[in-house]
N, C-alpha and C. Protein backbone atom coordinates (compact mmCIF):
# COMPACT_ATOMS: atom_id res chain seq x y z
N ILE A 1 -3.38 -10.80 -26.01
CA ILE A 1 -2.69 -9.56 -25.97
C ILE A 1 -1.19 -9.47 -26.39
N THR A 2 -0.88 -8.51 -26.99
CA THR A 2 0.58 -8.51 -27.65
C THR A 2 1.40 -7.39 -26.92
N PRO A 3 2.67 -7.51 -26.62
CA PRO A 3 3.35 -6.17 -26.22
C PRO A 3 2.70 -4.91 -26.89
N SER A 4 2.77 -5.19 -27.98
CA SER A 4 2.44 -3.90 -29.02
C SER A 4 1.07 -3.11 -28.70
N ASP A 5 0.27 -3.96 -27.97
CA ASP A 5 -1.13 -3.82 -27.42
C ASP A 5 -1.34 -2.63 -26.53
N ILE A 6 0.14 -2.94 -25.73
CA ILE A 6 0.11 -1.88 -24.35
C ILE A 6 0.65 -0.60 -24.62
N GLY A 7 -0.20 0.57 -23.92
CA GLY A 7 0.11 1.83 -24.50
C GLY A 7 0.93 2.55 -23.02
N ALA A 8 0.69 1.94 -21.80
CA ALA A 8 1.18 2.73 -20.67
C ALA A 8 0.94 1.48 -19.56
N ILE A 9 1.54 1.41 -18.63
CA ILE A 9 1.67 0.75 -17.47
C ILE A 9 1.10 1.65 -16.31
N ALA A 10 0.27 1.19 -15.50
CA ALA A 10 -0.20 1.67 -14.33
C ALA A 10 0.03 0.93 -12.83
N TYR A 11 0.32 1.16 -11.89
CA TYR A 11 0.71 0.68 -10.87
C TYR A 11 0.19 1.34 -9.54
N SER A 12 0.03 0.92 -8.59
CA SER A 12 -0.63 1.30 -6.92
C SER A 12 0.39 2.03 -6.56
N GLN A 13 0.70 3.17 -6.20
CA GLN A 13 1.57 4.13 -5.66
C GLN A 13 1.20 3.72 -3.80
N GLY A 14 0.04 3.59 -3.51
CA GLY A 14 -0.43 3.72 -2.09
C GLY A 14 -1.73 3.98 -2.00
N PRO A 15 -2.23 4.02 -1.03
CA PRO A 15 -1.71 3.69 0.40
C PRO A 15 -1.82 2.26 0.32
N GLY A 16 -1.05 1.49 1.25
CA GLY A 16 -0.81 0.22 1.22
C GLY A 16 0.32 -0.21 1.94
N LEU A 17 0.75 -1.61 1.75
CA LEU A 17 1.88 -2.16 2.61
C LEU A 17 3.06 -2.00 1.87
N GLY A 18 4.14 -1.30 2.61
CA GLY A 18 5.42 -0.99 1.74
C GLY A 18 6.19 -1.83 1.01
N PRO A 19 6.25 -3.11 1.39
CA PRO A 19 6.86 -4.16 0.74
C PRO A 19 6.01 -4.49 -0.56
N CYS A 20 4.71 -4.64 -0.40
CA CYS A 20 3.93 -4.97 -1.48
C CYS A 20 4.04 -4.02 -2.80
N LEU A 21 4.09 -2.68 -2.14
CA LEU A 21 3.83 -1.51 -3.09
C LEU A 21 5.40 -1.56 -3.74
N ARG A 22 6.23 -1.86 -3.06
CA ARG A 22 7.71 -1.88 -3.60
C ARG A 22 7.87 -3.06 -4.75
N VAL A 23 7.42 -4.21 -4.66
CA VAL A 23 7.28 -5.32 -5.55
C VAL A 23 6.56 -4.98 -6.76
N GLY A 24 5.33 -4.35 -6.55
CA GLY A 24 4.43 -3.84 -7.64
C GLY A 24 5.13 -2.81 -8.54
N ALA A 25 5.89 -1.83 -7.84
CA ALA A 25 6.31 -0.47 -8.58
C ALA A 25 7.59 -1.20 -9.41
N ALA A 26 8.26 -2.08 -8.61
CA ALA A 26 9.66 -2.65 -9.34
C ALA A 26 9.26 -3.09 -10.74
N ILE A 27 8.20 -4.11 -10.73
CA ILE A 27 7.71 -4.77 -11.86
C ILE A 27 7.00 -4.04 -12.68
N ALA A 28 6.42 -3.02 -12.40
CA ALA A 28 5.77 -1.94 -13.20
C ALA A 28 6.94 -1.27 -14.16
N ARG A 29 8.12 -0.94 -13.26
CA ARG A 29 8.98 0.07 -13.74
C ARG A 29 9.91 -0.89 -14.90
N GLY A 30 10.05 -1.97 -14.55
CA GLY A 30 10.51 -3.12 -15.60
C GLY A 30 9.91 -3.45 -16.84
N LEU A 31 8.68 -3.55 -16.77
CA LEU A 31 7.61 -3.56 -17.55
C LEU A 31 7.69 -2.41 -18.65
N SER A 32 7.55 -1.18 -17.90
CA SER A 32 7.48 0.07 -18.71
C SER A 32 8.69 0.15 -19.40
N SER A 33 9.83 -0.03 -18.79
CA SER A 33 11.10 0.18 -19.36
C SER A 33 11.23 -0.63 -20.79
N ARG A 34 10.98 -2.10 -20.52
CA ARG A 34 11.22 -3.01 -21.47
C ARG A 34 10.13 -2.77 -22.76
N LEU A 35 8.91 -2.14 -22.45
CA LEU A 35 8.16 -2.17 -23.36
C LEU A 35 8.04 -0.75 -24.00
N ALA A 36 8.91 0.22 -23.24
CA ALA A 36 9.07 1.72 -23.72
C ALA A 36 7.71 2.36 -23.74
N VAL A 37 7.08 2.18 -22.87
CA VAL A 37 5.76 2.75 -22.62
C VAL A 37 5.66 3.65 -21.26
N PRO A 38 4.69 4.88 -20.98
CA PRO A 38 4.84 5.63 -19.76
C PRO A 38 4.28 4.67 -18.74
N LEU A 39 5.04 5.11 -17.70
CA LEU A 39 4.64 4.48 -15.98
C LEU A 39 3.95 5.31 -15.46
N ILE A 40 2.42 5.09 -15.07
CA ILE A 40 1.71 6.04 -14.38
C ILE A 40 1.50 5.40 -13.05
N GLY A 41 1.75 6.10 -11.88
CA GLY A 41 1.45 5.76 -10.71
C GLY A 41 -0.08 6.41 -10.33
N VAL A 42 -0.74 5.28 -9.40
CA VAL A 42 -2.12 5.79 -9.15
C VAL A 42 -2.42 5.74 -7.68
N ASN A 43 -3.02 6.38 -7.30
CA ASN A 43 -3.40 6.03 -5.45
C ASN A 43 -4.63 4.91 -5.68
N HIS A 44 -4.13 4.04 -5.01
CA HIS A 44 -5.13 3.01 -4.73
C HIS A 44 -6.60 3.12 -4.40
N CYS A 45 -6.86 4.19 -3.34
CA CYS A 45 -7.86 4.38 -3.20
C CYS A 45 -8.87 5.33 -4.33
N VAL A 46 -7.99 5.99 -4.33
CA VAL A 46 -8.69 7.07 -6.04
C VAL A 46 -9.10 6.03 -7.18
N ALA A 47 -8.35 5.24 -7.52
CA ALA A 47 -8.63 4.11 -8.57
C ALA A 47 -9.84 3.43 -8.24
N HIS A 48 -10.07 3.30 -6.98
CA HIS A 48 -11.43 2.51 -6.79
C HIS A 48 -12.81 3.37 -7.12
N ILE A 49 -12.66 4.45 -6.98
CA ILE A 49 -13.57 5.37 -7.28
C ILE A 49 -13.85 5.61 -8.47
N GLU A 50 -12.53 5.81 -9.43
CA GLU A 50 -12.84 5.96 -11.10
C GLU A 50 -12.98 4.98 -11.53
């Protein structure tokens, strides 16, 4: 996979442990910004269903 293959970055918004969610969100924001792709917040529980 190359950076040009990535069309969006998704990350878990919660529910979950605050510190873990903040780290994941920070990394996702950085990747999204660096790659200039959309950032999509996903509910952790709903992601399991879909």
